[in-house]
């Protein structure tokens, strides 16, 4: 008998939860329809515009930061290339000197 009552209460609880969900969905749909039917108020429009401006400003700041980072990386890479070319020039000179010494030794 008690288990039947528990089962009945559980079914009632599930039904109540479904009813609450349906009512909340209907309320949401009604609010949406009302807002759509009267259009956006100036306050909401201003809020959306402010949000949009903030998003664009943030995006622009991020892009500027990324560009600055890319410029820094490019500058570092160029400095590395200059250093590599300097080392290669020095190595070429040393190899030329070594080749001259080798030729001199062969001539002896």
PDB file of N, CA and C in Angstrom:
ATOM      1  N   UNK A   1       0.823  -1.189   0.000  1.00  0.00           N
ATOM      2  CA  UNK A   1       0.000   0.000   0.000  1.00  0.00           C
ATOM      3  C   UNK A   1       0.874   1.263   0.000  1.00  0.00           C
ATOM      4  N   UNK A   2       1.916   1.278   0.863  1.00  0.00           N
ATOM      5  CA  UNK A   2       2.801   2.440   0.927  1.00  0.00           C
ATOM      6  C   UNK A   2       3.568   2.609  -0.377  1.00  0.00           C
ATOM      7  N   UNK A   3       3.983   1.492  -0.973  1.00  0.00           N
ATOM      8  CA  UNK A   3       4.731   1.589  -2.230  1.00  0.00           C
ATOM      9  C   UNK A   3       3.840   2.151  -3.332  1.00  0.00           C
ATOM     10  N   UNK A   4       2.549   1.834  -3.310  1.00  0.00           N
ATOM     11  CA  UNK A   4       1.620   2.385  -4.300  1.00  0.00           C
ATOM     12  C   UNK A   4       1.490   3.897  -4.116  1.00  0.00           C
ATOM     13  N   UNK A   5       1.444   4.322  -2.870  1.00  0.00           N
ATOM     14  CA  UNK A   5       1.333   5.752  -2.592  1.00  0.00           C
ATOM     15  C   UNK A   5       2.615   6.483  -3.033  1.00  0.00           C
ATOM     16  N   UNK A   6       3.769   5.842  -2.788  1.00  0.00           N
ATOM     17  CA  UNK A   6       5.034   6.441  -3.205  1.00  0.00           C
ATOM     18  C   UNK A   6       5.064   6.548  -4.726  1.00  0.00           C
ATOM     19  N   UNK A   7       4.650   5.474  -5.411  1.00  0.00           N
ATOM     20  CA  UNK A   7       4.613   5.500  -6.873  1.00  0.00           C
ATOM     21  C   UNK A   7       3.698   6.606  -7.375  1.00  0.00           C
ATOM     22  N   UNK A   8       2.531   6.730  -6.759  1.00  0.00           N
ATOM     23  CA  UNK A   8       1.569   7.759  -7.148  1.00  0.00           C
ATOM     24  C   UNK A   8       2.153   9.158  -6.913  1.00  0.00           C
ATOM     25  N   UNK A   9       2.819   9.348  -5.769  1.00  0.00           N
ATOM     26  CA  UNK A   9       3.442  10.636  -5.477  1.00  0.00           C
ATOM     27  C   UNK A   9       4.570  10.958  -6.468  1.00  0.00           C
ATOM     28  N   UNK A  10       5.329   9.947  -6.833  1.00  0.00           N
ATOM     29  CA  UNK A  10       6.427  10.148  -7.793  1.00  0.00           C
ATOM     30  C   UNK A  10       5.869  10.553  -9.159  1.00  0.00           C
ATOM     31  N   UNK A  11       4.785   9.872  -9.579  1.00  0.00           N
ATOM     32  CA  UNK A  11       4.150  10.232 -10.853  1.00  0.00           C
ATOM     33  C   UNK A  11       3.586  11.646 -10.784  1.00  0.00           C
ATOM     34  N   UNK A  12       2.991  11.990  -9.665  1.00  0.00           N
ATOM     35  CA  UNK A  12       2.444  13.344  -9.490  1.00  0.00           C
ATOM     36  C   UNK A  12       3.575  14.377  -9.563  1.00  0.00           C
ATOM     37  N   UNK A  13       4.702  14.034  -8.946  1.00  0.00           N
ATOM     38  CA  UNK A  13       5.844  14.953  -8.952  1.00  0.00           C
ATOM     39  C   UNK A  13       6.361  15.159 -10.373  1.00  0.00           C
ATOM     40  N   UNK A  14       6.476  14.068 -11.130  1.00  0.00           N
ATOM     41  CA  UNK A  14       6.936  14.166 -12.511  1.00  0.00           C
ATOM     42  C   UNK A  14       5.954  14.982 -13.346  1.00  0.00           C
ATOM     43  N   UNK A  15       4.677  14.759 -13.127  1.00  0.00           N
ATOM     44  CA  UNK A  15       3.659  15.502 -13.863  1.00  0.00           C
ATOM     45  C   UNK A  15       3.731  16.983 -13.505  1.00  0.00           C
ATOM     46  N   UNK A  16       3.924  17.278 -12.232  1.00  0.00           N
ATOM     47  CA  UNK A  16       4.039  18.659 -11.796  1.00  0.00           C
ATOM     48  C   UNK A  16       5.267  19.315 -12.429  1.00  0.00           C
ATOM     49  N   UNK A  17       6.388  18.593 -12.471  1.00  0.00           N
ATOM     50  CA  UNK A  17       7.603  19.136 -13.077  1.00  0.00           C
ATOM     51  C   UNK A  17       7.374  19.420 -14.563  1.00  0.00           C
ATOM     52  N   UNK A  18       6.703  18.518 -15.246  1.00  0.00           N
ATOM     53  CA  UNK A  18       6.397  18.731 -16.663  1.00  0.00           C
ATOM     54  C   UNK A  18       5.483  19.939 -16.839  1.00  0.00           C
ATOM     55  N   UNK A  19       4.517  20.079 -15.949  1.00  0.00           N
ATOM     56  CA  UNK A  19       3.601  21.214 -16.018  1.00  0.00           C
ATOM     57  C   UNK A  19       4.343  22.527 -15.804  1.00  0.00           C
ATOM     58  N   UNK A  20       5.226  22.538 -14.822  1.00  0.00           N
ATOM     59  CA  UNK A  20       6.029  23.735 -14.560  1.00  0.00           C
ATOM     60  C   UNK A  20       6.860  24.067 -15.782  1.00  0.00           C
ATOM     61  N   UNK A  21       7.482  23.086 -16.370  1.00  0.00           N
ATOM     62  CA  UNK A  21       8.309  23.297 -17.556  1.00  0.00           C
ATOM     63  C   UNK A  21       7.480  23.878 -18.695  1.00  0.00           C
ATOM     64  N   UNK A  22       6.287  23.311 -18.918  1.00  0.00           N
ATOM     65  CA  UNK A  22       5.407  23.792 -19.990  1.00  0.00           C
ATOM     66  C   UNK A  22       4.996  25.241 -19.730  1.00  0.00           C
ATOM     67  N   UNK A  23       4.642  25.552 -18.483  1.00  0.00           N
ATOM     68  CA  UNK A  23       4.225  26.913 -18.143  1.00  0.00           C
ATOM     69  C   UNK A  23       5.389  27.887 -18.346  1.00  0.00           C
ATOM     70  N   UNK A  24       6.595  27.492 -17.936  1.00  0.00           N
ATOM     71  CA  UNK A  24       7.752  28.365 -18.122  1.00  0.00           C
ATOM     72  C   UNK A  24       8.039  28.588 -19.595  1.00  0.00           C
ATOM     73  N   UNK A  25       7.916  27.533 -20.379  1.00  0.00           N
ATOM     74  CA  UNK A  25       8.126  27.666 -21.826  1.00  0.00           C
ATOM     75  C   UNK A  25       7.082  28.591 -22.444  1.00  0.00           C
ATOM     76  N   UNK A  26       5.858  28.456 -22.031  1.00  0.00           N
ATOM     77  CA  UNK A  26       4.783  29.311 -22.543  1.00  0.00           C
ATOM     78  C   UNK A  26       5.017  30.766 -22.142  1.00  0.00           C
ATOM     79  N   UNK A  27       5.445  30.980 -20.903  1.00  0.00           N
ATOM     80  CA  UNK A  27       5.722  32.344 -20.444  1.00  0.00           C
ATOM     81  C   UNK A  27       6.851  32.956 -21.258  1.00  0.00           C
ATOM     82  N   UNK A  28       7.882  32.172 -21.509  1.00  0.00           N
ATOM     83  CA  UNK A  28       8.998  32.657 -22.311  1.00  0.00           C
ATOM     84  C   UNK A  28       8.535  33.003 -23.723  1.00  0.00           C
ATOM     85  N   UNK A  29       7.751  32.108 -24.320  1.00  0.00           N
ATOM     86  CA  UNK A  29       7.245  32.347 -25.671  1.00  0.00           C
ATOM     87  C   UNK A  29       6.361  33.589 -25.695  1.00  0.00           C
ATOM     88  N   UNK A  30       5.556  33.789 -24.657  1.00  0.00           N
ATOM     89  CA  UNK A  30       4.690  34.964 -24.585  1.00  0.00           C
ATOM     90  C   UNK A  30       5.512  36.244 -24.493  1.00  0.00           C
ATOM     91  N   UNK A  31       6.574  36.215 -23.663  1.00  0.00           N
ATOM     92  CA  UNK A  31       7.428  37.399 -23.539  1.00  0.00           C
ATOM     93  C   UNK A  31       8.121  37.701 -24.863  1.00  0.00           C
ATOM     94  N   UNK A  32       8.566  36.662 -25.534  1.00  0.00           N
ATOM     95  CA  UNK A  32       9.203  36.858 -26.832  1.00  0.00           C
ATOM     96  C   UNK A  32       8.235  37.453 -27.840  1.00  0.00           C
ATOM     97  N   UNK A  33       7.032  36.918 -27.888  1.00  0.00           N
ATOM     98  CA  UNK A  33       6.021  37.422 -28.818  1.00  0.00           C
ATOM     99  C   UNK A  33       5.670  38.866 -28.500  1.00  0.00           C
ATOM    100  N   UNK A  34       5.552  39.183 -27.213  1.00  0.00           N
ATOM    101  CA  UNK A  34       5.230  40.551 -26.806  1.00  0.00           C
ATOM    102  C   UNK A  34       6.345  41.507 -27.231  1.00  0.00           C
ATOM    103  N   UNK A  35       7.595  41.109 -26.938  1.00  0.00           N
ATOM    104  CA  UNK A  35       8.729  41.957 -27.306  1.00  0.00           C
ATOM    105  C   UNK A  35       8.798  42.134 -28.809  1.00  0.00           C
ATOM    106  N   UNK A  36       8.525  41.082 -29.540  1.00  0.00           N
ATOM    107  CA  UNK A  36       8.557  41.156 -31.002  1.00  0.00           C
ATOM    108  C   UNK A  36       7.438  42.050 -31.514  1.00  0.00           C
ATOM    109  N   UNK A  37       6.271  41.935 -30.903  1.00  0.00           N
ATOM    110  CA  UNK A  37       5.117  42.692 -31.405  1.00  0.00           C
ATOM    111  C   UNK A  37       5.263  44.196 -31.162  1.00  0.00           C
ATOM    112  N   UNK A  38       5.888  44.598 -30.086  1.00  0.00           N
ATOM    113  CA  UNK A  38       6.036  46.034 -29.831  1.00  0.00           C
ATOM    114  C   UNK A  38       7.374  46.569 -30.308  1.00  0.00           C
ATOM    115  N   UNK A  39       8.268  45.665 -30.733  1.00  0.00           N
ATOM    116  CA  UNK A  39       9.585  46.094 -31.199  1.00  0.00           C
ATOM    117  C   UNK A  39      10.495  46.396 -30.026  1.00  0.00           C
ATOM    118  N   UNK A  40      11.722  46.657 -30.353  1.00  0.00           N
ATOM    119  CA  UNK A  40      12.694  46.937 -29.299  1.00  0.00           C
ATOM    120  C   UNK A  40      12.497  48.343 -28.767  1.00  0.00           C
ATOM    121  N   UNK A  41      12.574  48.486 -27.490  1.00  0.00           N
ATOM    122  CA  UNK A  41      12.498  49.812 -26.885  1.00  0.00           C
ATOM    123  C   UNK A  41      13.829  50.520 -27.118  1.00  0.00           C
ATOM    124  N   UNK A  42      13.841  51.804 -26.944  1.00  0.00           N
ATOM    125  CA  UNK A  42      15.060  52.574 -27.122  1.00  0.00           C
ATOM    126  C   UNK A  42      16.152  52.136 -26.150  1.00  0.00           C
ATOM    127  N   UNK A  43      15.752  51.807 -24.927  1.00  0.00           N
ATOM    128  CA  UNK A  43      16.748  51.384 -23.934  1.00  0.00           C
ATOM    129  C   UNK A  43      17.424  50.090 -24.369  1.00  0.00           C
ATOM    130  N   UNK A  44      16.640  49.142 -24.848  1.00  0.00           N
ATOM    131  CA  UNK A  44      17.207  47.870 -25.298  1.00  0.00           C
ATOM    132  C   UNK A  44      18.072  48.106 -26.528  1.00  0.00           C
ATOM    133  N   UNK A  45      17.583  48.938 -27.431  1.00  0.00           N
ATOM    134  CA  UNK A  45      18.351  49.250 -28.633  1.00  0.00           C
ATOM    135  C   UNK A  45      19.694  49.875 -28.252  1.00  0.00           C
ATOM    136  N   UNK A  46      19.670  50.827 -27.323  1.00  0.00           N
ATOM    137  CA  UNK A  46      20.902  51.466 -26.869  1.00  0.00           C
ATOM    138  C   UNK A  46      21.839  50.446 -26.222  1.00  0.00           C
ATOM    139  N   UNK A  47      21.274  49.560 -25.414  1.00  0.00           N
ATOM    140  CA  UNK A  47      22.072  48.521 -24.758  1.00  0.00           C
ATOM    141  C   UNK A  47      22.741  47.614 -25.789  1.00  0.00           C
ATOM    142  N   UNK A  48      21.986  47.232 -26.803  1.00  0.00           N
ATOM    143  CA  UNK A  48      22.549  46.384 -27.862  1.00  0.00           C
ATOM    144  C   UNK A  48      23.644  47.125 -28.627  1.00  0.00           C
ATOM    145  N   UNK A  49      23.404  48.395 -28.914  1.00  0.00           N
ATOM    146  CA  UNK A  49      24.396  49.191 -29.635  1.00  0.00           C
ATOM    147  C   UNK A  49      25.674  49.323 -28.813  1.00  0.00           C
ATOM    148  N   UNK A  50      25.519  49.576 -27.522  1.00  0.00           N
ATOM    149  CA  UNK A  50      26.676  49.685 -26.636  1.00  0.00           C
ATOM    150  C   UNK A  50      27.455  48.375 -26.602  1.00  0.00           C
ATOM    151  N   UNK A  51      26.728  47.280 -26.508  1.00  0.00           N
ATOM    152  CA  UNK A  51      27.378  45.962 -26.497  1.00  0.00           C
ATOM    153  C   UNK A  51      28.123  45.732 -27.810  1.00  0.00           C
ATOM    154  N   UNK A  52      27.491  46.037 -28.914  1.00  0.00           N
ATOM    155  CA  UNK A  52      28.107  45.844 -30.233  1.00  0.00           C
ATOM    156  C   UNK A  52      29.375  46.697 -30.340  1.00  0.00           C
ATOM    157  N   UNK A  53      29.292  47.960 -29.897  1.00  0.00           N
ATOM    158  CA  UNK A  53      30.462  48.841 -29.943  1.00  0.00           C
ATOM    159  C   UNK A  53      31.590  48.273 -29.092  1.00  0.00           C
ATOM    160  N   UNK A  54      31.227  47.764 -27.916  1.00  0.00           N
ATOM    161  CA  UNK A  54      32.237  47.178 -27.025  1.00  0.00           C
ATOM    162  C   UNK A  54      32.907  45.974 -27.691  1.00  0.00           C
ATOM    163  N   UNK A  55      32.112  45.140 -28.339  1.00  0.00           N
ATOM    164  CA  UNK A  55      32.659  43.955 -29.018  1.00  0.00           C
ATOM    165  C   UNK A  55      33.621  44.385 -30.115  1.00  0.00           C
ATOM    166  N   UNK A  56      33.213  45.379 -30.931  1.00  0.00           N
ATOM    167  CA  UNK A  56      34.093  45.846 -32.005  1.00  0.00           C
ATOM    168  C   UNK A  56      35.371  46.458 -31.454  1.00  0.00           C
ATOM    169  N   UNK A  57      35.245  47.237 -30.361  1.00  0.00           N
ATOM    170  CA  UNK A  57      36.413  47.856 -29.749  1.00  0.00           C
ATOM    171  C   UNK A  57      37.361  46.795 -29.205  1.00  0.00           C
ATOM    172  N   UNK A  58      36.803  45.800 -28.535  1.00  0.00           N
ATOM    173  CA  UNK A  58      37.617  44.714 -27.985  1.00  0.00           C
ATOM    174  C   UNK A  58      38.320  43.960 -29.107  1.00  0.00           C
ATOM    175  N   UNK A  59      37.567  43.677 -30.165  1.00  0.00           N
ATOM    176  CA  UNK A  59      38.156  42.964 -31.306  1.00  0.00           C
ATOM    177  C   UNK A  59      39.291  43.788 -31.901  1.00  0.00           C
ATOM    178  N   UNK A  60      39.089  45.092 -32.034  1.00  0.00           N
ATOM    179  CA  UNK A  60      40.115  45.965 -32.580  1.00  0.00           C
ATOM    180  C   UNK A  60      41.354  45.971 -31.687  1.00  0.00           C
ATOM    181  N   UNK A  61      41.153  46.026 -30.370  1.00  0.00           N
ATOM    182  CA  UNK A  61      42.289  46.009 -29.445  1.00  0.00           C
ATOM    183  C   UNK A  61      43.060  44.700 -29.553  1.00  0.00           C
ATOM    184  N   UNK A  62      42.335  43.601 -29.674  1.00  0.00           N
ATOM    185  CA  UNK A  62      42.986  42.298 -29.810  1.00  0.00           C
ATOM    186  C   UNK A  62      43.802  42.262 -31.092  1.00  0.00           C
ATOM    187  N   UNK A  63      43.215  42.764 -32.190  1.00  0.00           N
ATOM    188  CA  UNK A  63      43.925  42.775 -33.464  1.00  0.00           C
ATOM    189  C   UNK A  63      45.174  43.644 -33.381  1.00  0.00           C
ATOM    190  N   UNK A  64      45.065  44.799 -32.705  1.00  0.00           N
ATOM    191  CA  UNK A  64      46.234  45.664 -32.563  1.00  0.00           C
ATOM    192  C   UNK A  64      47.325  44.980 -31.741  1.00  0.00           C
ATOM    193  N   UNK A  65      46.930  44.287 -30.691  1.00  0.00           N
ATOM    194  CA  UNK A  65      47.892  43.563 -29.865  1.00  0.00           C
ATOM    195  C   UNK A  65      48.573  42.470 -30.692  1.00  0.00           C
ATOM    196  N   UNK A  66      47.766  41.735 -31.458  1.00  0.00           N
ATOM    197  CA  UNK A  66      48.338  40.664 -32.291  1.00  0.00           C
ATOM    198  C   UNK A  66      49.291  41.236 -33.330  1.00  0.00           C
ATOM    199  N   UNK A  67      48.925  42.380 -33.922  1.00  0.00           N
ATOM    200  CA  UNK A  67      49.806  43.003 -34.911  1.00  0.00           C
ATOM    201  C   UNK A  67      51.118  43.443 -34.259  1.00  0.00           C
ATOM    202  N   UNK A  68      51.044  44.005 -33.064  1.00  0.00           N
ATOM    203  CA  UNK A  68      52.263  44.421 -32.358  1.00  0.00           C
ATOM    204  C   UNK A  68      53.137  43.208 -32.068  1.00  0.00           C
ATOM    205  N   UNK A  69      52.519  42.101 -31.661  1.00  0.00           N
ATOM    206  CA  UNK A  69      53.283  40.879 -31.391  1.00  0.00           C
ATOM    207  C   UNK A  69      53.923  40.358 -32.670  1.00  0.00           C
ATOM    208  N   UNK A  70      53.182  40.414 -33.778  1.00  0.00           N
ATOM    209  CA  UNK A  70      53.749  39.968 -35.055  1.00  0.00           C
ATOM    210  C   UNK A  70      54.912  40.858 -35.487  1.00  0.00           C
ATOM    211  N   UNK A  71      54.784  42.166 -35.271  1.00  0.00           N
ATOM    212  CA  UNK A  71      55.888  43.073 -35.607  1.00  0.00           C
ATOM    213  C   UNK A  71      57.117  42.760 -34.765  1.00  0.00           C
ATOM    214  N   UNK A  72      56.909  42.518 -33.470  1.00  0.00           N
ATOM    215  CA  UNK A  72      58.033  42.167 -32.593  1.00  0.00           C
ATOM    216  C   UNK A  72      58.702  40.872 -33.054  1.00  0.00           C
ATOM    217  N   UNK A  73      57.893  39.889 -33.373  1.00  0.00           N
ATOM    218  CA  UNK A  73      58.428  38.614 -33.852  1.00  0.00           C
ATOM    219  C   UNK A  73      59.198  38.817 -35.145  1.00  0.00           C
ATOM    220  N   UNK A  74      58.648  39.629 -36.055  1.00  0.00           N
ATOM    221  CA  UNK A  74      59.318  39.910 -37.323  1.00  0.00           C
ATOM    222  C   UNK A  74      60.659  40.606 -37.074  1.00  0.00           C
ATOM    223  N   UNK A  75      60.670  41.571 -36.154  1.00  0.00           N
ATOM    224  CA  UNK A  75      61.900  42.291 -35.832  1.00  0.00           C
ATOM    225  C   UNK A  75      62.954  41.336 -35.265  1.00  0.00           C
ATOM    226  N   UNK A  76      62.522  40.440 -34.377  1.00  0.00           N
ATOM    227  CA  UNK A  76      63.473  39.473 -33.797  1.00  0.00           C
ATOM    228  C   UNK A  76      64.009  38.531 -34.878  1.00  0.00           C
ATOM    229  N   UNK A  77      63.129  38.082 -35.766  1.00  0.00           N
ATOM    230  CA  UNK A  77      63.565  37.174 -36.839  1.00  0.00           C
ATOM    231  C   UNK A  77      64.562  37.868 -37.775  1.00  0.00           C
ATOM    232  N   UNK A  78      64.287  39.140 -38.073  1.00  0.00           N
ATOM    233  CA  UNK A  78      65.217  39.880 -38.934  1.00  0.00           C
ATOM    234  C   UNK A  78      66.574  40.010 -38.251  1.00  0.00           C
ATOM    235  N   UNK A  79      66.571  40.298 -36.963  1.00  0.00           N
ATOM    236  CA  UNK A  79      67.837  40.406 -36.213  1.00  0.00           C
ATOM    237  C   UNK A  79      68.569  39.059 -36.228  1.00  0.00           C
ATOM    238  N   UNK A  80      67.833  37.978 -36.085  1.00  0.00           N
ATOM    239  CA  UNK A  80      68.442  36.645 -36.132  1.00  0.00           C
ATOM    240  C   UNK A  80      69.041  36.386 -37.516  1.00  0.00           C
ATOM    241  N   UNK A  81      68.320  36.781 -38.565  1.00  0.00           N
ATOM    242  CA  UNK A  81      68.831  36.578 -39.927  1.00  0.00           C
ATOM    243  C   UNK A  81      70.114  37.385 -40.143  1.00  0.00           C
ATOM    244  N   UNK A  82      70.161  38.611 -39.650  1.00  0.00           N
ATOM    245  CA  UNK A  82      71.365  39.427 -39.781  1.00  0.00           C
ATOM    246  C   UNK A  82      72.534  38.733 -39.077  1.00  0.00           C
ATOM    247  N   UNK A  83      72.271  38.212 -37.889  1.00  0.00           N
ATOM    248  CA  UNK A  83      73.319  37.514 -37.144  1.00  0.00           C
ATOM    249  C   UNK A  83      73.768  36.252 -37.889  1.00  0.00           C
ATOM    250  N   UNK A  84      72.827  35.503 -38.426  1.00  0.00           N
ATOM    251  CA  UNK A  84      73.176  34.288 -39.185  1.00  0.00           C
ATOM    252  C   UNK A  84      74.021  34.647 -40.402  1.00  0.00           C
ATOM    253  N   UNK A  85      73.616  35.709 -41.116  1.00  0.00           N
ATOM    254  CA  UNK A  85      74.387  36.123 -42.295  1.00  0.00           C
ATOM    255  C   UNK A  85      75.792  36.582 -41.898  1.00  0.00           C
ATOM    256  N   UNK A  86      75.928  37.257 -40.757  1.00  0.00           N
ATOM    257  CA  UNK A  86      77.245  37.682 -40.279  1.00  0.00           C
ATOM    258  C   UNK A  86      78.123  36.472 -39.976  1.00  0.00           C
ATOM    259  N   UNK A  87      77.538  35.475 -39.298  1.00  0.00           N
ATOM    260  CA  UNK A  87      78.285  34.260 -38.962  1.00  0.00           C
ATOM    261  C   UNK A  87      78.693  33.530 -40.239  1.00  0.00           C
ATOM    262  N   UNK A  88      77.772  33.461 -41.196  1.00  0.00           N
ATOM    263  CA  UNK A  88      78.092  32.785 -42.465  1.00  0.00           C
ATOM    264  C   UNK A  88      79.217  33.520 -43.203  1.00  0.00           C
ATOM    265  N   UNK A  89      79.196  34.855 -43.189  1.00  0.00           N
ATOM    266  CA  UNK A  89      80.269  35.643 -43.833  1.00  0.00           C
ATOM    267  C   UNK A  89      81.598  35.350 -43.165  1.00  0.00           C
ATOM    268  N   UNK A  90      81.582  35.329 -41.825  1.00  0.00           N
ATOM    269  CA  UNK A  90      82.823  35.038 -41.093  1.00  0.00           C
ATOM    270  C   UNK A  90      83.314  33.634 -41.413  1.00  0.00           C
ATOM    271  N   UNK A  91      82.397  32.686 -41.487  1.00  0.00           N
ATOM    272  CA  UNK A  91      82.793  31.309 -41.804  1.00  0.00           C
ATOM    273  C   UNK A  91      83.366  31.231 -43.221  1.00  0.00           C
ATOM    274  N   UNK A  92      82.766  31.969 -44.144  1.00  0.00           N
ATOM    275  CA  UNK A  92      83.274  31.973 -45.524  1.00  0.00           C
ATOM    276  C   UNK A  92      84.697  32.527 -45.562  1.00  0.00           C
ATOM    277  N   UNK A  93      84.930  33.607 -44.804  1.00  0.00           N
ATOM    278  CA  UNK A  93      86.287  34.176 -44.731  1.00  0.00           C
ATOM    279  C   UNK A  93      87.269  33.160 -44.159  1.00  0.00           C
ATOM    280  N   UNK A  94      86.856  32.516 -43.067  1.00  0.00           N
ATOM    281  CA  UNK A  94      87.742  31.524 -42.449  1.00  0.00           C
ATOM    282  C   UNK A  94      88.018  30.370 -43.406  1.00  0.00           C
ATOM    283  N   UNK A  95      86.989  29.940 -44.135  1.00  0.00           N
ATOM    284  CA  UNK A  95      87.199  28.855 -45.096  1.00  0.00           C
ATOM    285  C   UNK A  95      88.137  29.307 -46.216  1.00  0.00           C
ATOM    286  N   UNK A  96      87.992  30.568 -46.648  1.00  0.00           N
ATOM    287  CA  UNK A  96      88.912  31.105 -47.668  1.00  0.00           C
ATOM    288  C   UNK A  96      90.329  31.147 -47.156  1.00  0.00           C
ATOM    289  N   UNK A  97      90.492  31.565 -45.913  1.00  0.00           N
ATOM    290  CA  UNK A  97      91.829  31.601 -45.307  1.00  0.00           C
ATOM    291  C   UNK A  97      92.403  30.197 -45.202  1.00  0.00           C
ATOM    292  N   UNK A  98      91.567  29.254 -44.790  1.00  0.00           N
ATOM    293  CA  UNK A  98      92.023  27.869 -44.647  1.00  0.00           C
ATOM    294  C   UNK A  98      92.404  27.297 -46.016  1.00  0.00           C
ATOM    295  N   UNK A  99      91.615  27.643 -47.030  1.00  0.00           N
ATOM    296  CA  UNK A  99      91.917  27.160 -48.372  1.00  0.00           C
ATOM    297  C   UNK A  99      93.239  27.749 -48.857  1.00  0.00           C
ATOM    298  N   UNK A 100      93.471  29.023 -48.582  1.00  0.00           N
ATOM    299  CA  UNK A 100      94.738  29.676 -48.975  1.00  0.00           C
ATOM    300  C   UNK A 100      95.908  29.004 -48.270  1.00  0.00           C
ATOM    301  N   UNK A 101      95.752  28.674 -46.954  1.00  0.00           N
ATOM    302  CA  UNK A 101      96.815  28.000 -46.216  1.00  0.00           C
ATOM    303  C   UNK A 101      97.082  26.621 -46.793  1.00  0.00           C
ATOM    304  N   UNK A 102      95.993  25.932 -47.126  1.00  0.00           N
ATOM    305  CA  UNK A 102      96.141  24.598 -47.705  1.00  0.00           C
ATOM    306  C   UNK A 102      96.884  24.650 -49.023  1.00  0.00           C
ATOM    307  N   UNK A 103      96.540  25.618 -49.869  1.00  0.00           N
ATOM    308  CA  UNK A 103      97.233  25.763 -51.134  1.00  0.00           C
ATOM    309  C   UNK A 103      98.713  26.108 -50.927  1.00  0.00           C
ATOM    310  N   UNK A 104      98.966  26.961 -49.925  1.00  0.00           N
ATOM    311  CA  UNK A 104     100.350  27.336 -49.620  1.00  0.00           C
ATOM    312  C   UNK A 104     101.130  26.125 -49.148  1.00  0.00           C
ATOM    313  N   UNK A 105     100.502  25.287 -48.306  1.00  0.00           N
ATOM    314  CA  UNK A 105     101.171  24.093 -47.826  1.00  0.00           C
ATOM    315  C   UNK A 105     101.429  23.104 -48.955  1.00  0.00           C
ATOM    316  N   UNK A 106     100.487  23.008 -49.877  1.00  0.00           N
ATOM    317  CA  UNK A 106     100.697  22.117 -51.028  1.00  0.00           C
ATOM    318  C   UNK A 106     101.844  22.603 -51.927  1.00  0.00           C
ATOM    319  N   UNK A 107     101.958  23.934 -51.990  1.00  0.00           N
ATOM    320  CA  UNK A 107     103.026  24.523 -52.823  1.00  0.00           C
ATOM    321  C   UNK A 107     104.390  24.302 -52.238  1.00  0.00           C
ATOM    322  N   UNK A 108     104.514  24.005 -50.983  1.00  0.00           N
ATOM    323  CA  UNK A 108     105.830  23.808 -50.352  1.00  0.00           C
ATOM    324  C   UNK A 108     106.389  22.480 -50.592  1.00  0.00           C
TER     325      UNK A 108
END
